[in-house]
N, C-alpha and C. Protein backbone atom coordinates (compact mmCIF):
# COMPACT_ATOMS: atom_id res chain seq x y z
N UNK A 1 47.43 -187.06 -173.06
CA UNK A 1 48.90 -186.70 -173.27
C UNK A 1 48.78 -187.09 -174.34
N UNK A 2 49.45 -185.51 -175.59
CA UNK A 2 49.31 -185.38 -176.77
C UNK A 2 50.27 -186.55 -178.06
N UNK A 3 49.34 -187.07 -178.83
CA UNK A 3 50.09 -188.15 -179.77
C UNK A 3 51.51 -188.10 -180.25
N UNK A 4 52.23 -188.76 -180.14
CA UNK A 4 53.92 -189.02 -180.87
C UNK A 4 53.59 -189.29 -182.05
N UNK A 5 55.31 -187.86 -182.49
CA UNK A 5 54.74 -188.16 -183.75
C UNK A 5 56.16 -189.23 -184.60
N UNK A 6 55.78 -190.19 -185.28
CA UNK A 6 56.72 -191.17 -185.49
C UNK A 6 57.58 -190.98 -186.99
N UNK A 7 58.75 -191.02 -186.55
CA UNK A 7 59.25 -190.83 -187.90
C UNK A 7 58.64 -191.76 -189.32
N UNK A 8 59.12 -193.18 -188.35
CA UNK A 8 59.17 -194.70 -189.33
C UNK A 8 58.37 -195.55 -188.69
N UNK A 9 56.97 -195.51 -189.48
CA UNK A 9 55.90 -196.89 -188.94
C UNK A 9 56.65 -198.00 -188.49
N UNK A 10 56.10 -198.79 -187.27
CA UNK A 10 56.62 -199.93 -186.82
C UNK A 10 55.87 -201.11 -187.39
N UNK A 11 56.40 -202.19 -187.63
CA UNK A 11 55.39 -203.67 -188.48
C UNK A 11 54.16 -203.77 -187.31
N UNK A 12 54.19 -203.59 -186.10
CA UNK A 12 52.78 -203.62 -185.61
C UNK A 12 51.37 -202.54 -186.12
N UNK A 13 52.13 -201.13 -185.97
CA UNK A 13 51.28 -199.79 -187.18
C UNK A 13 51.38 -200.26 -187.91
N UNK A 14 51.92 -200.76 -189.09
CA UNK A 14 51.63 -201.36 -190.01
C UNK A 14 50.98 -202.29 -190.65
N UNK A 15 50.72 -203.10 -189.47
CA UNK A 15 49.54 -204.30 -190.00
C UNK A 15 48.05 -203.54 -189.48
N UNK A 16 48.00 -203.26 -188.69
CA UNK A 16 46.76 -201.76 -187.85
C UNK A 16 46.53 -201.24 -189.13
N UNK A 17 47.47 -200.22 -189.78
CA UNK A 17 47.28 -199.38 -191.02
C UNK A 17 46.09 -200.35 -192.32
N UNK A 18 47.16 -201.83 -192.29
CA UNK A 18 46.56 -202.84 -193.36
C UNK A 18 45.02 -203.01 -193.58
N UNK A 19 44.56 -203.46 -191.48
CA UNK A 19 43.37 -204.19 -191.28
C UNK A 19 42.07 -202.94 -190.45
N UNK A 20 42.85 -201.85 -190.22
CA UNK A 20 41.53 -201.16 -191.05
C UNK A 20 41.41 -200.15 -191.90
N UNK A 21 42.60 -200.21 -193.13
CA UNK A 21 42.06 -200.36 -194.75
C UNK A 21 41.23 -201.33 -195.47
N UNK A 22 41.67 -202.30 -194.91
CA UNK A 22 40.77 -203.01 -195.55
C UNK A 22 39.38 -203.45 -194.60
N UNK A 23 39.39 -203.00 -193.71
CA UNK A 23 37.82 -203.11 -193.43
C UNK A 23 36.97 -201.56 -193.95
N UNK A 24 37.86 -200.30 -194.48
CA UNK A 24 37.14 -199.62 -195.22
C UNK A 24 37.24 -198.11 -195.13
N UNK A 25 38.43 -197.90 -194.57
CA UNK A 25 38.03 -196.40 -193.62
C UNK A 25 39.38 -195.68 -194.76
N UNK A 26 39.22 -194.08 -194.42
CA UNK A 26 39.74 -193.51 -195.44
C UNK A 26 40.73 -193.60 -194.34
N UNK A 27 42.43 -192.84 -195.38
CA UNK A 27 43.93 -192.69 -194.84
C UNK A 27 43.42 -191.35 -194.10
N UNK A 28 42.67 -190.56 -193.52
CA UNK A 28 42.07 -189.37 -193.11
C UNK A 28 41.06 -190.26 -191.56
N UNK A 29 40.72 -190.63 -191.50
CA UNK A 29 40.15 -191.62 -190.23
C UNK A 29 40.81 -192.59 -190.07
N UNK A 30 41.85 -193.20 -190.63
CA UNK A 30 42.60 -194.49 -189.89
C UNK A 30 44.40 -193.39 -189.05
N UNK A 31 44.36 -191.98 -189.59
CA UNK A 31 45.34 -191.38 -189.37
C UNK A 31 44.69 -190.97 -186.92
N UNK A 32 43.62 -190.70 -187.77
CA UNK A 32 42.94 -190.02 -185.86
C UNK A 32 42.09 -191.30 -184.89
N UNK A 33 42.31 -192.33 -186.29
CA UNK A 33 42.26 -194.34 -184.75
C UNK A 33 43.33 -194.18 -184.39
N UNK A 34 44.51 -193.94 -185.41
CA UNK A 34 45.85 -194.28 -184.73
C UNK A 34 46.40 -193.42 -183.56
N UNK A 35 45.55 -192.06 -184.15
CA UNK A 35 46.05 -190.58 -182.58
C UNK A 35 45.26 -191.06 -181.31
N UNK A 36 43.87 -191.51 -181.73
CA UNK A 36 43.28 -191.61 -180.64
C UNK A 36 43.83 -193.14 -180.04
N UNK A 37 43.79 -194.74 -180.29
CA UNK A 37 44.01 -195.70 -179.30
C UNK A 37 45.80 -196.06 -179.54
N UNK A 38 46.06 -195.35 -180.41
CA UNK A 38 47.65 -196.29 -180.30
C UNK A 38 48.44 -194.81 -179.84
N UNK A 39 48.16 -193.36 -179.73
CA UNK A 39 48.32 -192.10 -179.03
C UNK A 39 49.71 -191.63 -179.99
N UNK A 40 49.55 -192.00 -181.67
CA UNK A 40 51.30 -191.87 -182.53
C UNK A 40 50.01 -190.73 -184.03
N UNK A 41 50.88 -190.16 -183.84
CA UNK A 41 50.73 -189.23 -184.92
C UNK A 41 51.46 -189.69 -186.52
N UNK A 42 50.58 -189.98 -187.33
CA UNK A 42 50.73 -190.53 -188.74
C UNK A 42 50.01 -189.54 -189.70
N UNK A 43 50.62 -188.50 -190.53
CA UNK A 43 50.19 -187.73 -191.46
C UNK A 43 49.70 -188.95 -192.57
N UNK A 44 48.54 -188.20 -193.53
CA UNK A 44 47.46 -189.33 -194.10
C UNK A 44 48.65 -189.41 -195.44
N UNK A 45 49.14 -188.89 -195.84
CA UNK A 45 49.59 -188.85 -196.86
C UNK A 45 51.20 -189.73 -196.74
N UNK A 46 51.35 -190.33 -195.41
CA UNK A 46 52.65 -191.23 -194.83
C UNK A 46 51.46 -192.50 -195.13
N UNK A 47 50.40 -192.70 -194.63
CA UNK A 47 49.93 -193.97 -194.27
C UNK A 47 49.60 -194.02 -196.08
N UNK A 48 49.09 -193.04 -196.60
CA UNK A 48 48.37 -193.70 -198.21
C UNK A 48 49.54 -193.93 -199.32
N UNK A 49 51.02 -193.63 -198.50
CA UNK A 49 52.62 -193.87 -199.35
C UNK A 49 52.73 -195.01 -198.96
N UNK A 50 52.76 -195.55 -197.45
CA UNK A 50 52.70 -197.06 -197.28
C UNK A 50 51.67 -198.02 -197.80
N UNK A 51 50.54 -197.47 -198.21
CA UNK A 51 49.24 -198.76 -198.12
C UNK A 51 49.66 -198.83 -199.92
N UNK A 52 49.74 -197.78 -200.03
CA UNK A 52 50.35 -198.42 -201.87
C UNK A 52 51.58 -199.85 -202.04
N UNK A 53 52.57 -198.84 -201.74
CA UNK A 53 53.61 -199.73 -201.75
C UNK A 53 53.14 -201.02 -201.27
N UNK A 54 52.35 -201.28 -200.07
CA UNK A 54 51.91 -202.12 -199.86
C UNK A 54 51.11 -203.28 -200.53
N UNK A 55 50.58 -202.29 -201.28
CA UNK A 55 48.96 -203.14 -202.60
C UNK A 55 50.56 -204.09 -203.62
N UNK A 56 51.62 -203.14 -203.68
CA UNK A 56 52.07 -202.85 -204.99
C UNK A 56 53.25 -204.44 -204.31
N UNK A 57 53.57 -204.52 -202.91
CA UNK A 57 54.38 -205.39 -202.88
C UNK A 57 54.29 -206.74 -202.70
N UNK A 58 52.70 -206.01 -202.11
CA UNK A 58 52.49 -207.17 -200.63
C UNK A 58 53.15 -207.66 -199.49
N UNK A 59 53.99 -207.17 -198.83
CA UNK A 59 54.79 -207.01 -197.86
C UNK A 59 54.74 -205.85 -196.97
N UNK A 60 55.13 -206.51 -195.65
CA UNK A 60 54.60 -204.91 -195.28
C UNK A 60 56.25 -204.10 -194.48
N UNK A 61 57.07 -205.09 -195.30
CA UNK A 61 58.60 -204.39 -194.54
C UNK A 61 58.87 -203.76 -195.86
N UNK A 62 59.87 -202.97 -195.37
CA UNK A 62 60.54 -201.98 -196.44
C UNK A 62 60.85 -202.13 -197.85
N UNK A 63 61.12 -201.70 -198.29
CA UNK A 63 61.47 -202.13 -200.19
C UNK A 63 62.95 -202.52 -199.42
N UNK A 64 63.89 -203.09 -200.81
CA UNK A 64 65.02 -203.63 -200.59
C UNK A 64 66.16 -202.33 -200.83
N UNK A 65 66.92 -201.69 -199.77
CA UNK A 65 68.07 -200.87 -200.51
C UNK A 65 68.72 -201.15 -201.67
N UNK A 66 68.74 -199.55 -202.50
CA UNK A 66 69.58 -200.14 -203.51
C UNK A 66 70.81 -200.70 -203.26
N UNK A 67 71.44 -201.61 -204.02
CA UNK A 67 73.10 -201.85 -203.59
C UNK A 67 74.27 -201.23 -203.35
N UNK A 68 74.00 -199.92 -203.66
CA UNK A 68 75.17 -198.54 -203.68
C UNK A 68 75.19 -198.40 -205.42
N UNK A 69 76.63 -198.33 -205.72
CA UNK A 69 77.58 -197.65 -206.54
C UNK A 69 78.20 -199.17 -207.04
N UNK A 70 78.14 -199.13 -208.73
CA UNK A 70 78.40 -200.38 -208.98
C UNK A 70 79.80 -200.64 -208.99
N UNK A 71 80.16 -201.73 -209.17
CA UNK A 71 81.89 -201.80 -209.01
C UNK A 71 82.17 -201.10 -210.45
N UNK A 72 83.42 -200.30 -210.74
CA UNK A 72 84.17 -199.75 -210.89
C UNK A 72 84.79 -201.33 -212.25
N UNK A 73 85.38 -201.85 -211.29
CA UNK A 73 86.36 -202.90 -211.51
C UNK A 73 85.66 -204.72 -211.71
N UNK A 74 85.29 -205.36 -212.49
CA UNK A 74 84.82 -206.68 -212.09
C UNK A 74 85.71 -207.94 -212.10
N UNK A 75 85.13 -208.57 -212.01
CA UNK A 75 85.67 -210.06 -211.48
C UNK A 75 86.82 -209.94 -212.71
N UNK A 76 86.49 -210.19 -213.80
CA UNK A 76 87.38 -210.08 -215.55
C UNK A 76 88.52 -208.96 -215.06
N UNK A 77 88.29 -208.03 -214.61
CA UNK A 77 89.52 -207.48 -214.63
C UNK A 77 90.63 -207.88 -213.56
N UNK A 78 90.17 -208.01 -212.25
CA UNK A 78 90.31 -208.10 -211.26
C UNK A 78 92.08 -209.20 -211.98
N UNK A 79 91.22 -210.21 -212.28
CA UNK A 79 91.58 -212.03 -213.36
C UNK A 79 92.76 -211.01 -213.67
N UNK A 80 92.65 -210.28 -214.51
CA UNK A 80 93.63 -209.53 -215.90
C UNK A 80 94.95 -208.88 -214.61
N UNK A 81 93.92 -208.09 -214.10
CA UNK A 81 95.85 -207.21 -213.25
C UNK A 81 96.44 -208.56 -212.64
N UNK A 82 95.75 -209.84 -212.06
CA UNK A 82 96.51 -209.99 -211.08
C UNK A 82 97.50 -211.68 -211.40
N UNK A 83 97.42 -211.48 -213.17
CA UNK A 83 97.45 -212.29 -214.19
C UNK A 83 98.99 -211.59 -214.89
N UNK A 84 98.63 -210.32 -214.48
CA UNK A 84 99.52 -208.56 -215.35
C UNK A 84 100.98 -208.89 -214.38
N UNK A 85 100.28 -209.06 -213.16
CA UNK A 85 101.22 -208.53 -211.60
C UNK A 85 101.73 -209.69 -212.62
N UNK A 86 101.77 -210.99 -211.73
CA UNK A 86 102.72 -212.07 -211.65
C UNK A 86 103.24 -212.14 -213.14
N UNK A 87 103.46 -212.19 -213.91
CA UNK A 87 104.27 -212.36 -214.87
C UNK A 87 105.34 -210.39 -214.94
N UNK A 88 104.60 -209.85 -214.71
CA UNK A 88 106.14 -208.74 -214.60
C UNK A 88 105.28 -208.48 -213.01
N UNK A 89 106.76 -208.57 -212.17
CA UNK A 89 106.53 -208.02 -210.87
C UNK A 89 106.83 -206.13 -210.97
N UNK A 90 107.40 -205.93 -211.71
CA UNK A 90 107.63 -204.63 -211.73
C UNK A 90 106.94 -203.40 -212.07
N UNK A 91 105.06 -204.20 -212.77
CA UNK A 91 104.69 -203.27 -213.92
C UNK A 91 104.26 -202.33 -212.80
N UNK A 92 104.03 -201.09 -213.31
CA UNK A 92 103.43 -199.84 -212.74
C UNK A 92 102.27 -199.87 -212.50
N UNK A 93 101.27 -198.74 -211.89
CA UNK A 93 100.35 -198.80 -211.93
C UNK A 93 99.78 -197.95 -212.86
N UNK A 94 100.37 -197.14 -213.52
CA UNK A 94 100.13 -196.37 -214.93
C UNK A 94 99.95 -197.40 -216.11
N UNK A 95 100.75 -198.81 -216.45
CA UNK A 95 100.96 -199.18 -217.13
C UNK A 95 99.47 -200.41 -216.71
N UNK A 96 99.33 -200.15 -215.90
CA UNK A 96 99.01 -201.43 -215.90
C UNK A 96 97.63 -200.29 -216.57
N UNK A 97 97.12 -199.42 -216.30
CA UNK A 97 95.86 -198.04 -216.70
C UNK A 97 96.06 -198.23 -217.67
N UNK A 98 97.01 -198.39 -218.83
CA UNK A 98 96.97 -198.34 -220.08
C UNK A 98 96.30 -199.34 -220.47
N UNK A 99 97.04 -200.90 -220.07
CA UNK A 99 96.89 -202.01 -220.62
C UNK A 99 95.53 -202.58 -220.17
N UNK A 100 94.09 -202.30 -219.16
CA UNK A 100 93.24 -202.53 -219.17
C UNK A 100 92.59 -201.63 -219.97
N UNK A 101 92.63 -200.03 -220.66
CA UNK A 101 91.79 -199.19 -221.34
C UNK A 101 92.14 -200.50 -222.93
N UNK A 102 93.50 -200.36 -222.91
CA UNK A 102 94.12 -201.05 -224.69
C UNK A 102 92.78 -202.43 -224.63
N UNK A 103 92.30 -203.31 -223.85
CA UNK A 103 92.42 -204.67 -223.29
C UNK A 103 90.35 -204.28 -223.29
N UNK A 104 89.99 -204.13 -222.39
CA UNK A 104 88.74 -203.39 -222.33
C UNK A 104 87.93 -202.23 -222.38
N UNK A 105 88.95 -201.82 -222.91
CA UNK A 105 88.38 -199.63 -223.16
C UNK A 105 87.45 -199.45 -222.16
N UNK A 106 88.39 -199.48 -220.68
CA UNK A 106 87.42 -198.50 -220.08
C UNK A 106 88.70 -197.23 -219.30
N UNK A 107 88.08 -196.53 -218.74
CA UNK A 107 89.36 -195.26 -217.57
C UNK A 107 88.80 -195.93 -216.77
N UNK A 108 89.96 -196.28 -216.20
CA UNK A 108 90.59 -196.50 -214.42
C UNK A 108 91.39 -195.60 -213.92
N UNK A 109 91.21 -194.92 -213.00
CA UNK A 109 91.89 -194.41 -212.98
C UNK A 109 93.15 -194.96 -211.66
N UNK A 110 94.83 -194.60 -211.41
CA UNK A 110 95.89 -195.04 -211.00
C UNK A 110 95.67 -195.13 -209.54
N UNK A 111 94.36 -194.37 -209.32
CA UNK A 111 94.22 -195.35 -207.68
C UNK A 111 93.35 -196.48 -207.03
N UNK A 112 92.11 -196.42 -208.00
CA UNK A 112 91.46 -197.66 -208.37
C UNK A 112 92.58 -198.78 -208.43
N UNK A 113 93.21 -198.75 -209.43
CA UNK A 113 94.17 -200.08 -210.13
C UNK A 113 95.24 -200.26 -208.41
N UNK A 114 95.89 -199.41 -207.68
CA UNK A 114 96.07 -199.45 -206.34
C UNK A 114 95.72 -200.00 -205.38
N UNK A 115 93.94 -199.30 -204.83
CA UNK A 115 93.23 -200.48 -204.00
C UNK A 115 92.97 -201.81 -205.07
N UNK A 116 92.23 -202.16 -206.01
CA UNK A 116 92.32 -203.62 -206.85
C UNK A 116 93.88 -204.06 -206.16
N UNK A 117 94.84 -203.67 -206.66
CA UNK A 117 96.47 -204.23 -206.02
C UNK A 117 96.43 -204.68 -204.98
N UNK A 118 96.26 -203.76 -203.75
CA UNK A 118 96.18 -204.09 -202.80
C UNK A 118 95.02 -205.56 -201.99
N UNK A 119 93.70 -204.62 -203.22
CA UNK A 119 92.90 -205.82 -202.37
C UNK A 119 93.30 -207.48 -202.80
N UNK A 120 94.09 -207.63 -203.77
CA UNK A 120 94.62 -208.66 -204.19
C UNK A 120 95.50 -209.24 -204.01
N UNK A 121 96.26 -208.58 -203.09
CA UNK A 121 97.49 -208.79 -201.96
C UNK A 121 98.58 -208.69 -202.26
N UNK A 122 98.96 -207.91 -203.21
CA UNK A 122 99.95 -207.47 -203.76
C UNK A 122 100.36 -205.91 -203.09
N UNK A 123 101.31 -205.69 -202.71
CA UNK A 123 102.16 -205.31 -202.08
C UNK A 123 103.62 -204.63 -202.72
N UNK A 124 104.05 -203.45 -202.88
CA UNK A 124 104.86 -202.38 -203.90
C UNK A 124 105.96 -202.40 -202.72
N UNK A 125 107.20 -203.11 -202.94
CA UNK A 125 108.36 -201.58 -202.31
C UNK A 125 109.27 -201.88 -202.82
N UNK A 126 110.56 -201.17 -201.76
CA UNK A 126 111.65 -200.87 -202.79
C UNK A 126 112.11 -202.27 -203.30
N UNK A 127 113.21 -202.22 -204.34
CA UNK A 127 114.49 -203.46 -204.08
C UNK A 127 115.85 -202.88 -203.31
N UNK A 128 116.09 -204.03 -202.05
CA UNK A 128 116.77 -203.32 -201.47
C UNK A 128 118.22 -204.34 -202.00
N UNK A 129 118.05 -205.54 -202.51
CA UNK A 129 120.00 -206.20 -202.31
C UNK A 129 119.07 -206.77 -204.10
N UNK A 130 120.29 -206.87 -205.09
CA UNK A 130 119.95 -208.01 -206.43
C UNK A 130 120.99 -208.18 -206.64
N UNK A 131 121.41 -209.19 -207.42
CA UNK A 131 122.11 -210.76 -207.70
C UNK A 131 122.64 -210.13 -209.64
N UNK A 132 123.75 -209.54 -209.78
CA UNK A 132 124.17 -208.89 -210.67
C UNK A 132 124.99 -209.72 -211.76
N UNK A 133 124.32 -210.70 -212.94
CA UNK A 133 125.01 -211.34 -213.10
C UNK A 133 125.27 -211.25 -214.50
N UNK A 134 126.10 -210.89 -215.69
CA UNK A 134 126.15 -210.58 -216.77
C UNK A 134 125.34 -211.35 -217.83
N UNK A 135 124.48 -210.60 -218.70
CA UNK A 135 123.64 -211.69 -219.36
C UNK A 135 124.43 -212.08 -220.14
N UNK A 136 125.12 -212.29 -220.96
CA UNK A 136 126.28 -213.05 -221.79
C UNK A 136 127.51 -214.21 -221.35
N UNK A 137 127.18 -214.17 -219.90
CA UNK A 137 127.77 -215.40 -218.99
C UNK A 137 126.35 -216.05 -218.58
N UNK A 138 125.26 -215.90 -218.75
CA UNK A 138 124.05 -216.69 -218.51
C UNK A 138 123.91 -217.95 -219.28
N UNK A 139 124.28 -217.73 -220.43
CA UNK A 139 124.22 -218.81 -221.56
C UNK A 139 125.50 -219.93 -222.04
N UNK A 140 126.59 -219.44 -221.38
CA UNK A 140 127.24 -220.11 -220.73
C UNK A 140 127.66 -220.68 -219.86
N UNK A 141 126.95 -220.50 -218.19
CA UNK A 141 126.46 -221.21 -217.18
C UNK A 141 126.04 -222.69 -217.64
N UNK A 142 124.99 -222.05 -218.74
CA UNK A 142 124.38 -223.23 -218.91
C UNK A 142 124.94 -224.38 -219.92
N UNK A 143 126.23 -223.96 -220.92
CA UNK A 143 126.57 -224.48 -221.57
C UNK A 143 127.87 -225.52 -220.52
N UNK A 144 128.23 -224.62 -219.62
CA UNK A 144 128.77 -225.82 -218.30
C UNK A 144 128.53 -226.88 -217.51
N UNK A 145 126.86 -226.19 -217.55
CA UNK A 145 126.21 -227.29 -217.09
C UNK A 145 125.99 -229.00 -217.65
N UNK A 146 125.98 -228.79 -218.60
CA UNK A 146 125.83 -229.07 -219.47
C UNK A 146 127.03 -230.01 -220.35
N UNK A 147 127.84 -229.77 -220.05
CA UNK A 147 129.45 -229.76 -220.19
C UNK A 147 129.76 -230.66 -219.19
N UNK A 148 129.47 -230.65 -217.87
CA UNK A 148 129.56 -231.02 -216.87
C UNK A 148 128.76 -232.56 -216.12
N UNK A 149 128.12 -232.12 -217.30
CA UNK A 149 126.86 -233.45 -217.10
C UNK A 149 126.24 -233.41 -215.63
N UNK A 150 126.12 -231.94 -215.10
CA UNK A 150 125.74 -231.60 -213.89
C UNK A 150 123.99 -231.47 -213.93
N UNK A 151 123.11 -231.67 -215.36
CA UNK A 151 122.31 -231.22 -214.88
C UNK A 151 121.75 -232.93 -214.66
N UNK A 152 122.02 -233.69 -215.04
CA UNK A 152 122.29 -235.37 -215.26
C UNK A 152 122.05 -235.54 -213.63
N UNK A 153 123.31 -234.88 -213.02
CA UNK A 153 123.17 -235.31 -211.49
C UNK A 153 122.63 -234.67 -210.93
N UNK A 154 121.50 -233.51 -211.36
CA UNK A 154 120.96 -232.72 -210.38
C UNK A 154 121.44 -232.13 -209.29
N UNK A 155 122.67 -231.59 -209.91
CA UNK A 155 123.39 -230.18 -209.29
C UNK A 155 122.58 -229.31 -209.26
N UNK A 156 122.51 -228.76 -208.16
CA UNK A 156 122.18 -226.94 -207.84
C UNK A 156 123.13 -225.60 -207.80
N UNK A 157 123.84 -225.92 -207.64
CA UNK A 157 124.62 -225.55 -207.50
C UNK A 157 125.06 -224.16 -205.81
N UNK A 158 123.80 -224.36 -204.85
CA UNK A 158 123.94 -224.15 -204.69
C UNK A 158 124.94 -223.04 -203.27
N UNK A 159 125.81 -224.37 -203.22
CA UNK A 159 127.47 -223.75 -202.47
C UNK A 159 128.95 -223.02 -203.22
N UNK A 160 127.82 -222.85 -204.66
CA UNK A 160 128.62 -222.28 -205.42
C UNK A 160 128.84 -220.51 -205.83
N UNK A 161 129.73 -219.37 -205.66
CA UNK A 161 129.35 -218.67 -205.75
C UNK A 161 130.37 -218.31 -207.39
N UNK A 162 130.03 -218.17 -208.30
CA UNK A 162 130.16 -217.86 -209.86
C UNK A 162 131.40 -216.54 -210.26
N UNK A 163 132.52 -215.83 -210.46
CA UNK A 163 133.36 -215.26 -210.18
C UNK A 163 132.57 -213.61 -210.75
N UNK A 164 131.88 -214.22 -211.87
CA UNK A 164 130.84 -213.02 -212.72
C UNK A 164 129.95 -212.63 -211.56
N UNK A 165 129.46 -212.60 -210.20
CA UNK A 165 128.36 -212.73 -209.81
C UNK A 165 128.80 -211.69 -208.40
N UNK A 166 127.48 -211.00 -208.37
CA UNK A 166 127.95 -210.28 -207.35
C UNK A 166 126.45 -209.86 -206.16
N UNK A 167 126.51 -209.60 -204.70
CA UNK A 167 125.51 -209.46 -204.66
C UNK A 167 126.04 -207.97 -204.01
N UNK A 168 124.76 -207.34 -204.73
CA UNK A 168 125.13 -205.69 -203.66
C UNK A 168 123.43 -205.41 -203.37
N UNK A 169 124.18 -204.14 -202.22
CA UNK A 169 123.20 -203.97 -201.69
C UNK A 169 123.06 -202.60 -202.14
N UNK A 170 121.89 -202.20 -202.78
CA UNK A 170 121.35 -201.16 -202.83
C UNK A 170 121.17 -199.84 -201.90
N UNK A 171 122.01 -199.01 -202.45
CA UNK A 171 121.81 -197.84 -201.14
C UNK A 171 120.60 -197.36 -201.56
N UNK A 172 120.42 -196.06 -203.08
CA UNK A 172 119.44 -195.45 -203.56
C UNK A 172 118.84 -195.83 -205.23
N UNK A 173 117.67 -196.74 -204.32
CA UNK A 173 116.74 -196.81 -205.47
C UNK A 173 115.70 -196.18 -206.37
N UNK A 174 114.93 -196.06 -207.61
CA UNK A 174 114.11 -196.16 -208.09
C UNK A 174 113.49 -197.25 -208.32
N UNK A 175 113.56 -198.65 -208.53
CA UNK A 175 113.38 -199.65 -208.93
C UNK A 175 112.18 -200.14 -208.04
N UNK A 176 111.31 -200.51 -207.86
CA UNK A 176 110.14 -201.06 -207.09
C UNK A 176 109.87 -202.48 -207.99
N UNK A 177 109.35 -203.66 -206.78
CA UNK A 177 108.48 -204.71 -207.03
C UNK A 177 107.11 -205.06 -206.57
N UNK A 178 106.78 -206.17 -206.79
CA UNK A 178 105.49 -205.83 -205.99
C UNK A 178 105.70 -207.40 -205.84
N UNK A 179 104.84 -208.14 -204.31
CA UNK A 179 105.36 -209.04 -204.51
C UNK A 179 103.86 -209.76 -203.00
N UNK A 180 103.20 -210.51 -202.66
CA UNK A 180 102.63 -210.84 -201.70
C UNK A 180 103.05 -211.28 -200.47
N UNK A 181 102.70 -211.44 -199.45
CA UNK A 181 103.38 -211.24 -198.28
C UNK A 181 103.20 -213.19 -198.20
N UNK A 182 104.27 -212.84 -197.10
CA UNK A 182 105.32 -214.66 -197.23
C UNK A 182 105.23 -215.11 -198.82
N UNK A 183 105.85 -214.84 -199.72
CA UNK A 183 105.64 -215.40 -200.76
C UNK A 183 107.28 -215.42 -201.27
N UNK A 184 107.68 -216.04 -201.98
CA UNK A 184 109.26 -215.72 -202.36
C UNK A 184 109.38 -214.64 -203.72
N UNK A 185 110.47 -214.43 -204.23
CA UNK A 185 110.64 -213.69 -204.91
C UNK A 185 109.40 -212.39 -205.00
């Protein structure tokens, strides 16, 4: 039966190659010995490459694979993104890109920002309901609460709707906000 050509050298064959080579045989002789005894066909070049790698590393196993592509965003960038979103839930990916470029001097695509945002657990959704309170009435409410000593009594006004306040169901909106699943606001 003719010898079988192998694509990868098994650990058993690697050990055999090392033992035969240490007994003083050449790569060509090792190839013919393996062809006769193990019925496998391994070229002298493959044997030479393996043995050179074995002498350099001292191990029969394959060298570790490269880790691949380096991450574009490091942990400090992700922390920065998380803090920015937490501070402003309506910040867009374009704004985050500009702020990352200004702070860390790195050029990041909008798609990368969106992937990072998703990996941090932030989801983007349209605003459906909004509370409408006139800005000029906000300090007046606080003054009213102080006047009635409501803060001292721990009054929260949970059962009161002020006359200048309206909850509106938004039909069409371009406003989008970020939130984490299971968190309030």
